[in-house]
Structure formats: C-alpha cells, structure tokens
Amino acid sequence: MTVLIVVAFFALFIGVDYVLARRRLALERVARAASDAPAAEPVWIAGYRMPEALHYHRGHTWARVLDPSTVVVGLDDFAGRLLGAPVALESPSRGDWVHQGGRAFGLRLNGRSAELVSPVEGEVVEVNPDLVKKPALAAEDPYGRGWVLKLRAHNLADNLRNLLHGRLARRFMEDSREALDLRLMALAGTVLQDGGEPVSELARHLPKPDFERLVAEFLLT
C-alpha cells in the first residue's frame, strides 16, 4: 500500500511539473515574440501595407505583443482602405472583456458603420485616446498612431497560435486581395481605378447593401 502511495505521489508530481514546464515554455515564446520582434515597419503585400512582426486575424485585425500578457490591437491596411476614414470610434470600456474572434470595436463612417473582431481574448486596459480625438487615424496610420485597444490577454500563447504570422500572413493578404478584386469586378466600374486597383474608401463608392456584404465577408462580422 505504501509503495502505491509513493508511486501515486511521484506520478502526480511529474504531471504537475510537466504542466508547469509547458506553461513556462509558452510564456518564454511570448516573451521572445515581444523582445525579438522588429519595429512595425510595413512591407507591401498585394498592394497593402503589412508589418511582418505582427500577428493577424482573418477578420483583418492584428495583435502586437508588448509583454507576455499585454498586446496592442488594431485594424490592418486592408480593412482601413475597405472602410475609409471613420468619423467616430465605438470602443469597449476599460475593464470590458473581449473574445478572440468576437466584436472588439466599431467604426462609424458617413452614414454607415462596421464592426471589427478581436484577434485575442482579454481585458481592455486602454483605448487609444488619439482615436477618440481623431478617429481617421485608424485608417490613415493603422499600425502606428491608429492602434485601437490595449488588452491584458488571456492565454496569450494559445491565442497567438490561432493567428497568422510571417509567410501565412502574407499569403492571407494575397488571397484577400484576389477575392476582393473578384467581388469588385462584378460591381460598378467606379470602384476600380485605372489599372484595376481598388479605390480608397469603398464605403463611399458602393451601394450600402454591397458594402455590408463586403464587410461581412472580409471582416467576419
């Protein structure tokens, strides 16, 4: 009986140590992502700015790791050019909880609106005060002064595994551009510039039902 108790104790000890070791490794990976990541200097992918150091959600939002439990989030250049410059920000309050893939914030345009999803799960610890004063920054400088929320992330390492980074993120942007081009080709020619480039601020050029369909498809809301 004593032997069984000793064996059970060591099995429990090994199991707990294994779980703690995995957690330490996850936190170390997140810390390296924060410390080793280069500045958010964008490269051009399929005609859109895209800093390679960020982690991207398929709803065209991004997360930048500040430390093992804190991230900054915002919308990417694709979303900014699809929506155009917003006139107001509809943000959660400090202390609110957002879920990965769930509504994070809204942007009001001229007579229209769009919601964007959160790339990670966590508690809102700050809303960008510059956006409250000048909401257009969200589209004009989406990776810099136009960041939207700062979150204290829950289970950040697992959240990051669900996002796109590096080569996968670049391919995602290329696929998004191709899909958007196909949608726009079926709509009025006024939404394409000479050479086939999408015009900026598609919200102003498309009928409201068409715009809402694009928002639902590409921003996943």
Protein backbone atom coordinates (compact mmCIF):
# COMPACT_ATOMS: atom_id res chain seq x y z
CA MET A 1 0.00 0.00 0.00
CA THR A 2 2.83 2.35 0.93
CA VAL A 3 4.52 1.65 -2.41
CA LEU A 4 1.33 2.55 -4.29
CA ILE A 5 1.04 5.82 -2.38
CA VAL A 6 4.65 6.72 -3.17
CA VAL A 7 4.18 5.87 -6.86
CA ALA A 8 0.97 7.91 -7.00
CA PHE A 9 2.73 10.85 -5.34
CA PHE A 10 5.58 10.80 -7.85
CA ALA A 11 3.16 10.45 -10.76
CA LEU A 12 1.26 13.49 -9.52
CA PHE A 13 4.49 15.42 -9.04
CA ILE A 14 5.68 14.58 -12.56
CA GLY A 15 2.33 15.56 -14.04
CA VAL A 16 2.27 18.94 -12.28
CA ASP A 17 5.88 19.60 -13.25
CA TYR A 18 5.07 18.79 -16.88
CA VAL A 19 2.15 21.24 -16.93
CA LEU A 20 4.22 23.97 -15.31
CA ALA A 21 7.10 23.37 -17.73
CA ARG A 22 4.77 23.69 -20.72
CA ARG A 23 3.40 26.93 -19.30
CA ARG A 24 6.92 28.30 -18.77
CA LEU A 25 7.84 27.46 -22.36
CA ALA A 26 4.69 29.14 -23.64
CA LEU A 27 5.45 32.30 -21.67
CA GLU A 28 9.03 32.26 -22.90
CA ARG A 29 7.82 32.05 -26.52
CA VAL A 30 5.55 35.02 -25.97
CA ALA A 31 8.34 36.97 -24.30
CA ARG A 32 10.66 36.27 -27.23
CA ALA A 33 7.96 37.44 -29.63
CA ALA A 34 7.83 40.72 -27.74
CA SER A 35 11.56 41.26 -27.34
CA ASP A 36 12.85 39.96 -30.66
CA ALA A 37 10.19 41.43 -32.96
CA PRO A 38 11.45 44.22 -35.21
CA ALA A 39 9.69 47.54 -35.37
CA ALA A 40 6.33 47.55 -37.12
CA GLU A 41 7.77 48.75 -40.42
CA PRO A 42 5.39 47.66 -43.18
CA VAL A 43 6.23 45.84 -46.34
CA TRP A 44 3.93 45.91 -49.36
CA ILE A 45 1.94 42.72 -49.91
CA ALA A 46 -0.55 42.64 -52.80
CA GLY A 47 -0.73 46.42 -52.70
CA TYR A 48 -1.32 46.71 -48.94
CA ARG A 49 0.99 47.71 -46.12
CA MET A 50 1.69 44.79 -43.79
CA PRO A 51 4.28 44.81 -40.98
CA GLU A 52 5.72 41.32 -40.74
CA ALA A 53 6.24 41.45 -36.98
CA LEU A 54 2.51 41.43 -36.21
CA HIS A 55 0.05 38.57 -35.76
CA TYR A 56 -3.06 38.79 -37.95
CA HIS A 57 -6.63 37.60 -37.54
CA ARG A 58 -8.61 36.59 -40.62
CA GLY A 59 -11.03 39.38 -39.82
CA HIS A 60 -8.27 41.86 -40.77
CA THR A 61 -7.24 42.90 -37.28
CA TRP A 62 -3.78 42.48 -35.77
CA ALA A 63 -2.05 41.99 -32.43
CA ARG A 64 1.37 43.28 -31.40
CA VAL A 65 2.88 41.66 -28.30
CA LEU A 66 4.19 44.10 -25.68
CA ASP A 67 4.95 41.56 -22.94
CA PRO A 68 3.80 38.03 -22.02
CA SER A 69 0.33 39.26 -21.05
CA THR A 70 -0.24 42.53 -22.92
CA VAL A 71 -0.97 43.25 -26.58
CA VAL A 72 -1.95 46.20 -28.71
CA VAL A 73 -4.60 45.58 -31.37
CA GLY A 74 -5.90 47.46 -34.39
CA LEU A 75 -7.20 47.03 -37.92
CA ASP A 76 -4.94 46.29 -40.87
CA ASP A 77 -4.43 48.34 -44.04
CA PHE A 78 -6.84 46.15 -46.00
CA ALA A 79 -9.66 46.96 -43.56
CA GLY A 80 -8.66 50.62 -43.42
CA ARG A 81 -8.86 51.02 -47.17
CA LEU A 82 -12.05 49.00 -47.43
CA LEU A 83 -13.78 51.19 -44.85
CA GLY A 84 -12.12 54.55 -45.34
CA ALA A 85 -11.57 57.16 -42.66
CA PRO A 86 -14.05 56.74 -39.79
CA VAL A 87 -15.76 59.71 -38.17
CA ALA A 88 -16.23 58.03 -34.78
CA LEU A 89 -14.92 55.10 -32.75
CA GLU A 90 -17.26 52.79 -30.85
CA SER A 91 -14.99 51.13 -28.34
CA PRO A 92 -15.46 48.96 -25.27
CA SER A 93 -14.76 50.45 -21.86
CA ARG A 94 -11.72 49.81 -19.73
CA GLY A 95 -12.27 46.57 -17.85
CA ASP A 96 -14.53 45.06 -20.51
CA TRP A 97 -13.73 41.58 -21.76
CA VAL A 98 -13.39 40.75 -25.45
CA HIS A 99 -13.16 37.31 -27.00
CA GLN A 100 -10.92 36.11 -29.80
CA GLY A 101 -12.97 36.41 -32.97
CA GLY A 102 -15.70 38.34 -31.15
CA ARG A 103 -16.62 42.01 -31.52
CA ALA A 104 -13.81 44.28 -30.38
CA PHE A 105 -14.74 47.76 -31.60
CA GLY A 106 -16.84 49.56 -34.16
CA LEU A 107 -16.11 52.35 -36.63
CA ARG A 108 -18.75 54.79 -37.78
CA LEU A 109 -18.42 56.12 -41.28
CA ASN A 110 -20.53 58.70 -43.07
CA GLY A 111 -23.95 57.13 -42.74
CA ARG A 112 -22.54 53.62 -42.32
CA SER A 113 -20.77 51.54 -39.72
CA ALA A 114 -18.64 48.44 -39.40
CA GLU A 115 -17.56 46.20 -36.56
CA LEU A 116 -14.19 44.51 -36.24
CA VAL A 117 -13.20 41.42 -34.30
CA SER A 118 -10.60 40.99 -31.62
CA PRO A 119 -7.51 39.00 -32.58
CA VAL A 120 -7.06 37.81 -28.99
CA GLU A 121 -9.09 37.30 -25.84
CA GLY A 122 -8.57 39.57 -22.88
CA GLU A 123 -9.45 42.55 -20.73
CA VAL A 124 -9.42 46.06 -22.16
CA VAL A 125 -6.84 48.10 -20.25
CA GLU A 126 -6.65 51.13 -22.56
CA VAL A 127 -8.42 52.73 -25.51
CA ASN A 128 -6.23 54.85 -27.77
CA PRO A 129 -7.02 58.43 -26.68
CA ASP A 130 -5.77 59.82 -30.01
CA LEU A 131 -8.51 57.90 -31.82
CA VAL A 132 -11.17 59.46 -29.65
CA LYS A 133 -9.96 62.86 -30.82
CA LYS A 134 -9.18 61.88 -34.42
CA PRO A 135 -10.85 58.58 -35.46
CA ALA A 136 -9.49 58.85 -39.02
CA LEU A 137 -6.07 57.75 -37.69
CA ALA A 138 -7.40 54.19 -37.56
CA ALA A 139 -7.34 54.07 -41.37
CA GLU A 140 -4.60 56.62 -42.05
CA ASP A 141 -1.97 55.09 -39.75
CA PRO A 142 -3.37 51.69 -38.75
CA TYR A 143 -0.10 50.22 -37.45
CA GLY A 144 1.14 53.32 -35.66
CA ARG A 145 -0.85 56.14 -34.11
CA GLY A 146 -4.08 54.48 -35.22
CA TRP A 147 -3.89 51.47 -32.88
CA VAL A 148 -7.22 50.92 -31.15
CA LEU A 149 -7.05 48.89 -27.94
CA LYS A 150 -4.54 47.61 -25.44
CA LEU A 151 -5.53 44.28 -23.90
CA ARG A 152 -4.36 42.20 -20.99
CA ALA A 153 -4.58 38.93 -22.87
CA HIS A 154 -5.89 35.66 -21.52
CA ASN A 155 -3.88 32.60 -22.50
CA LEU A 156 -1.90 34.64 -25.00
CA ALA A 157 0.35 31.85 -26.24
CA ASP A 158 -2.64 29.78 -27.35
CA ASN A 159 -4.30 32.85 -28.89
CA LEU A 160 -1.22 33.61 -30.97
CA ARG A 161 -1.21 30.08 -32.36
CA ASN A 162 -4.64 30.83 -33.85
CA LEU A 163 -3.35 33.89 -35.72
CA LEU A 164 -1.40 34.29 -38.94
CA HIS A 165 2.24 35.36 -38.97
CA GLY A 166 5.06 35.56 -41.50
CA ARG A 167 4.54 33.60 -44.70
CA LEU A 168 0.99 32.56 -43.79
CA ALA A 169 0.01 36.17 -43.15
CA ARG A 170 1.45 37.28 -46.48
CA ARG A 171 -0.44 34.55 -48.31
CA PHE A 172 -3.63 35.53 -46.49
CA MET A 173 -3.28 39.13 -47.67
CA GLU A 174 -2.66 37.99 -51.24
CA ASP A 175 -5.75 35.78 -51.12
CA SER A 176 -7.81 38.62 -49.64
CA ARG A 177 -6.74 40.96 -52.43
CA GLU A 178 -7.60 38.37 -55.09
CA ALA A 179 -11.02 37.71 -53.54
CA LEU A 180 -11.77 41.44 -53.27
CA ASP A 181 -10.81 42.02 -56.90
CA LEU A 182 -13.23 39.31 -57.98
CA ARG A 183 -16.04 40.85 -55.93
CA LEU A 184 -15.37 44.32 -57.29
CA MET A 185 -15.24 43.15 -60.88
CA ALA A 186 -18.87 42.13 -60.51
CA LEU A 187 -19.84 45.58 -59.22
CA ALA A 188 -19.86 49.04 -60.77
CA GLY A 189 -16.63 50.10 -62.51
CA THR A 190 -16.39 53.17 -60.28
CA VAL A 191 -14.85 51.08 -57.51
CA LEU A 192 -11.76 50.29 -59.58
CA GLN A 193 -9.10 52.79 -60.59
CA ASP A 194 -7.17 52.64 -63.85
CA GLY A 195 -5.00 49.54 -63.71
CA GLY A 196 -7.53 47.63 -61.62
CA GLU A 197 -6.52 48.99 -58.21
CA PRO A 198 -9.38 49.29 -55.67
CA VAL A 199 -10.24 52.89 -54.86
CA SER A 200 -9.81 54.10 -51.30
CA GLU A 201 -12.84 54.39 -49.05
CA LEU A 202 -15.01 51.84 -50.81
CA ALA A 203 -17.76 52.73 -48.34
CA ARG A 204 -18.37 55.95 -50.26
CA HIS A 205 -18.48 54.30 -53.69
CA LEU A 206 -20.66 51.23 -53.14
CA PRO A 207 -24.39 50.92 -52.51
CA LYS A 208 -24.99 50.17 -48.86
CA PRO A 209 -26.09 46.51 -49.37
CA ASP A 210 -22.95 45.76 -51.42
CA PHE A 211 -20.74 47.44 -48.84
CA GLU A 212 -22.35 45.49 -46.00
CA ARG A 213 -21.80 42.21 -47.85
CA LEU A 214 -18.11 43.00 -48.30
CA VAL A 215 -17.76 43.93 -44.63
CA ALA A 216 -19.45 40.71 -43.54
CA GLU A 217 -17.28 38.58 -45.82
CA PHE A 218 -13.88 40.15 -45.21
CA LEU A 219 -14.16 41.46 -41.65
CA LEU A 220 -16.08 38.36 -40.44
CA THR A 221 -18.80 40.34 -38.70
